[in-house]
Amino acid sequence: MEIRTFIVEGMTCKNCKAHVEKSIKNISGIDDVIADLANGQVRVSGNEIDNLKIKQSVEESGYIYKGEANNASRSSDVWLS
């Protein structure tokens, strides 16, 4: 399983967080999504993470996709928001 972190701007409340999570979770190959309002990051885990699909999903939801965060590791470490 792969884990990646993306930077997303514009999430300001729990509804924004839920909207982004649901939108990305609907992408084929995505197992779990955790958005963190405090740091504007979205952690995505799955077997087929496609950056372009993530970008399209975020932007179609009305938020600003800023790219993938500089991940030190793409392992299956546990990440808590």
Protein backbone atom coordinates (compact mmCIF):
# COMPACT_ATOMS: atom_id res chain seq x y z
CA MET A 1 0.00 0.00 0.00
CA GLU A 2 1.20 3.45 -0.87
CA ILE A 3 0.69 6.58 1.23
CA ARG A 4 1.02 10.11 -0.14
CA THR A 5 0.37 13.56 1.28
CA PHE A 6 -1.04 16.42 -0.78
CA ILE A 7 -1.33 20.12 -0.03
CA VAL A 8 -4.85 21.50 -0.42
CA GLU A 9 -5.83 25.12 0.22
CA GLY A 10 -9.28 26.42 1.03
CA MET A 11 -10.44 23.90 3.63
CA THR A 12 -11.74 26.00 6.51
CA CYS A 13 -14.21 23.80 8.41
CA LYS A 14 -15.29 20.24 9.13
CA ASN A 15 -17.63 20.30 6.15
CA CYS A 16 -14.74 21.24 3.85
CA LYS A 17 -12.69 18.40 5.33
CA ALA A 18 -15.51 15.91 4.78
CA HIS A 19 -16.14 17.16 1.24
CA VAL A 20 -12.49 16.72 0.21
CA GLU A 21 -12.22 13.31 1.88
CA LYS A 22 -15.38 12.00 0.23
CA SER A 23 -14.40 13.32 -3.19
CA ILE A 24 -10.96 11.69 -3.13
CA LYS A 25 -12.23 8.48 -1.55
CA ASN A 26 -14.51 7.99 -4.58
CA ILE A 27 -11.46 7.59 -6.85
CA SER A 28 -10.77 4.01 -7.86
CA GLY A 29 -7.75 2.54 -6.05
CA ILE A 30 -8.02 4.82 -3.00
CA ASP A 31 -8.50 3.04 0.33
CA ASP A 32 -8.44 5.87 2.87
CA VAL A 33 -8.27 9.66 3.00
CA ILE A 34 -7.57 11.89 6.01
CA ALA A 35 -7.66 15.67 5.61
CA ASP A 36 -6.00 17.84 8.23
CA LEU A 37 -7.43 21.35 8.46
CA ALA A 38 -4.63 22.64 10.67
CA ASN A 39 -1.88 22.10 8.14
CA GLY A 40 -3.88 22.01 4.89
CA GLN A 41 -2.74 18.53 4.02
CA VAL A 42 -4.57 15.45 2.83
CA ARG A 43 -3.11 12.00 3.47
CA VAL A 44 -4.16 9.43 0.88
CA SER A 45 -3.54 5.69 1.03
CA GLY A 46 -4.20 3.09 -1.62
CA ASN A 47 -2.73 0.83 -4.24
CA GLU A 48 -3.24 3.09 -7.25
CA ILE A 49 -2.76 6.74 -6.28
CA ASP A 50 -2.93 8.91 -9.38
CA ASN A 51 -1.80 12.50 -8.73
CA LEU A 52 -3.77 13.82 -11.71
CA LYS A 53 -7.00 12.23 -10.47
CA ILE A 54 -6.37 13.64 -6.98
CA LYS A 55 -5.80 17.11 -8.49
CA GLN A 56 -8.97 16.91 -10.58
CA SER A 57 -11.04 15.71 -7.63
CA VAL A 58 -9.79 18.49 -5.34
CA GLU A 59 -10.33 21.22 -7.94
CA GLU A 60 -13.80 19.93 -8.93
CA SER A 61 -14.70 20.12 -5.24
CA GLY A 62 -13.81 23.82 -5.21
CA TYR A 63 -10.45 23.69 -3.43
CA ILE A 64 -6.91 24.54 -4.52
CA TYR A 65 -4.56 21.65 -5.23
CA LYS A 66 -0.97 22.72 -4.51
CA GLY A 67 0.74 19.41 -5.25
CA GLU A 68 2.26 16.57 -3.37
CA ALA A 69 3.99 17.38 -0.10
CA ASN A 70 7.63 16.44 0.19
CA ASN A 71 7.21 13.00 1.74
CA ALA A 72 10.24 11.68 3.55
CA SER A 73 8.84 8.17 3.16
CA ARG A 74 6.01 6.50 1.26
CA SER A 75 5.67 3.66 3.71
CA SER A 76 2.59 2.41 5.51
CA ASP A 77 3.26 4.44 8.67
CA VAL A 78 0.22 5.34 10.75
CA TRP A 79 -0.77 8.99 10.46
CA LEU A 80 -3.16 10.69 12.83
CA SER A 81 -4.87 14.01 12.21
